[in-house]
Amino acid sequence: MPIHGLLMGVLDAYGHVTLMCRDCNTPAEDAKTAETILKLCPQCGMPLGEWATETERNSELRKWAERIKRTARPE
């Protein structure tokens, strides 16, 4: 299942990636429904990503964060 277009990653000076909502710059939070693992924006309530399992989420987000670390400038 996908990472949605509103999810962005911000690289800090220590090399950590913070997952944030592209619309309001609020850090993403984890949420669960009966069928889905979500990343949500707590400010605007938008889904930022959804997966069937935590393992699937962790794998996809880890790869995504590694790409950000290779290409982004620290803020």
Protein backbone atom coordinates (compact mmCIF):
# COMPACT_ATOMS: atom_id res chain seq x y z
CA MET A 1 0.00 0.00 0.00
CA PRO A 2 1.26 3.47 -0.71
CA ILE A 3 2.93 6.44 0.79
CA HIS A 4 0.62 9.32 -0.12
CA GLY A 5 1.76 12.53 -1.83
CA LEU A 6 1.21 14.63 1.30
CA LEU A 7 3.92 12.81 3.28
CA MET A 8 7.31 14.50 3.26
CA GLY A 9 10.53 13.80 5.08
CA VAL A 10 12.69 16.47 6.70
CA LEU A 11 16.34 15.64 7.40
CA ASP A 12 17.79 17.27 10.53
CA ALA A 13 21.43 18.14 11.21
CA TYR A 14 21.90 14.80 13.02
CA GLY A 15 20.79 12.72 10.03
CA HIS A 16 17.33 11.84 11.38
CA VAL A 17 14.33 11.97 9.06
CA THR A 18 11.09 13.37 10.50
CA LEU A 19 7.92 12.40 8.64
CA MET A 20 5.66 15.39 8.18
CA CYS A 21 2.48 16.58 6.46
CA ARG A 22 3.34 18.58 3.34
CA ASP A 23 0.25 20.80 3.77
CA CYS A 24 0.72 22.01 7.35
CA ASN A 25 4.27 20.89 8.33
CA THR A 26 3.00 18.89 11.31
CA PRO A 27 4.86 15.68 12.30
CA ALA A 28 2.99 12.52 11.24
CA GLU A 29 1.51 10.13 13.80
CA ASP A 30 0.77 6.41 13.69
CA ALA A 31 -2.80 5.13 13.79
CA LYS A 32 -4.50 1.75 13.35
CA THR A 33 -7.86 0.63 12.11
CA ALA A 34 -9.10 -2.95 12.10
CA GLU A 35 -7.63 -3.49 8.60
CA THR A 36 -4.98 -0.81 8.10
CA ILE A 37 -1.84 0.73 9.59
CA LEU A 38 -1.81 4.49 8.92
CA LYS A 39 0.40 7.56 9.09
CA LEU A 40 -1.89 10.52 9.75
CA CYS A 41 -1.53 14.25 10.13
CA PRO A 42 -2.90 15.09 13.60
CA GLN A 43 -3.45 18.74 12.56
CA CYS A 44 -5.50 18.36 9.37
CA GLY A 45 -6.50 14.69 9.72
CA MET A 46 -5.22 13.69 6.28
CA PRO A 47 -3.93 10.15 5.72
CA LEU A 48 -0.25 10.32 4.73
CA GLY A 49 0.28 6.61 4.13
CA GLU A 50 -1.44 3.27 4.65
CA TRP A 51 -0.28 -0.33 4.85
CA ALA A 52 -1.69 -3.77 5.57
CA THR A 53 0.93 -4.60 8.25
CA GLU A 54 3.45 -2.84 10.46
CA THR A 55 6.22 -4.86 8.80
CA GLU A 56 5.17 -3.57 5.37
CA ARG A 57 5.00 0.02 6.71
CA ASN A 58 8.40 -0.19 8.39
CA SER A 59 10.07 -1.65 5.31
CA GLU A 60 8.64 0.94 2.90
CA LEU A 61 9.30 3.91 5.19
CA ARG A 62 12.85 2.74 5.94
CA LYS A 63 13.66 2.61 2.20
CA TRP A 64 11.96 5.98 1.65
CA ALA A 65 13.90 7.60 4.53
CA GLU A 66 17.19 6.24 3.17
CA ARG A 67 16.47 7.93 -0.18
CA ILE A 68 15.81 11.20 1.65
CA LYS A 69 19.09 10.87 3.57
CA ARG A 70 21.00 10.43 0.30
CA THR A 71 19.41 13.39 -1.49
CA ALA A 72 18.26 15.99 1.07
CA ARG A 73 20.14 18.82 2.72
CA PRO A 74 19.80 18.97 6.54
CA GLU A 75 17.57 21.72 7.90
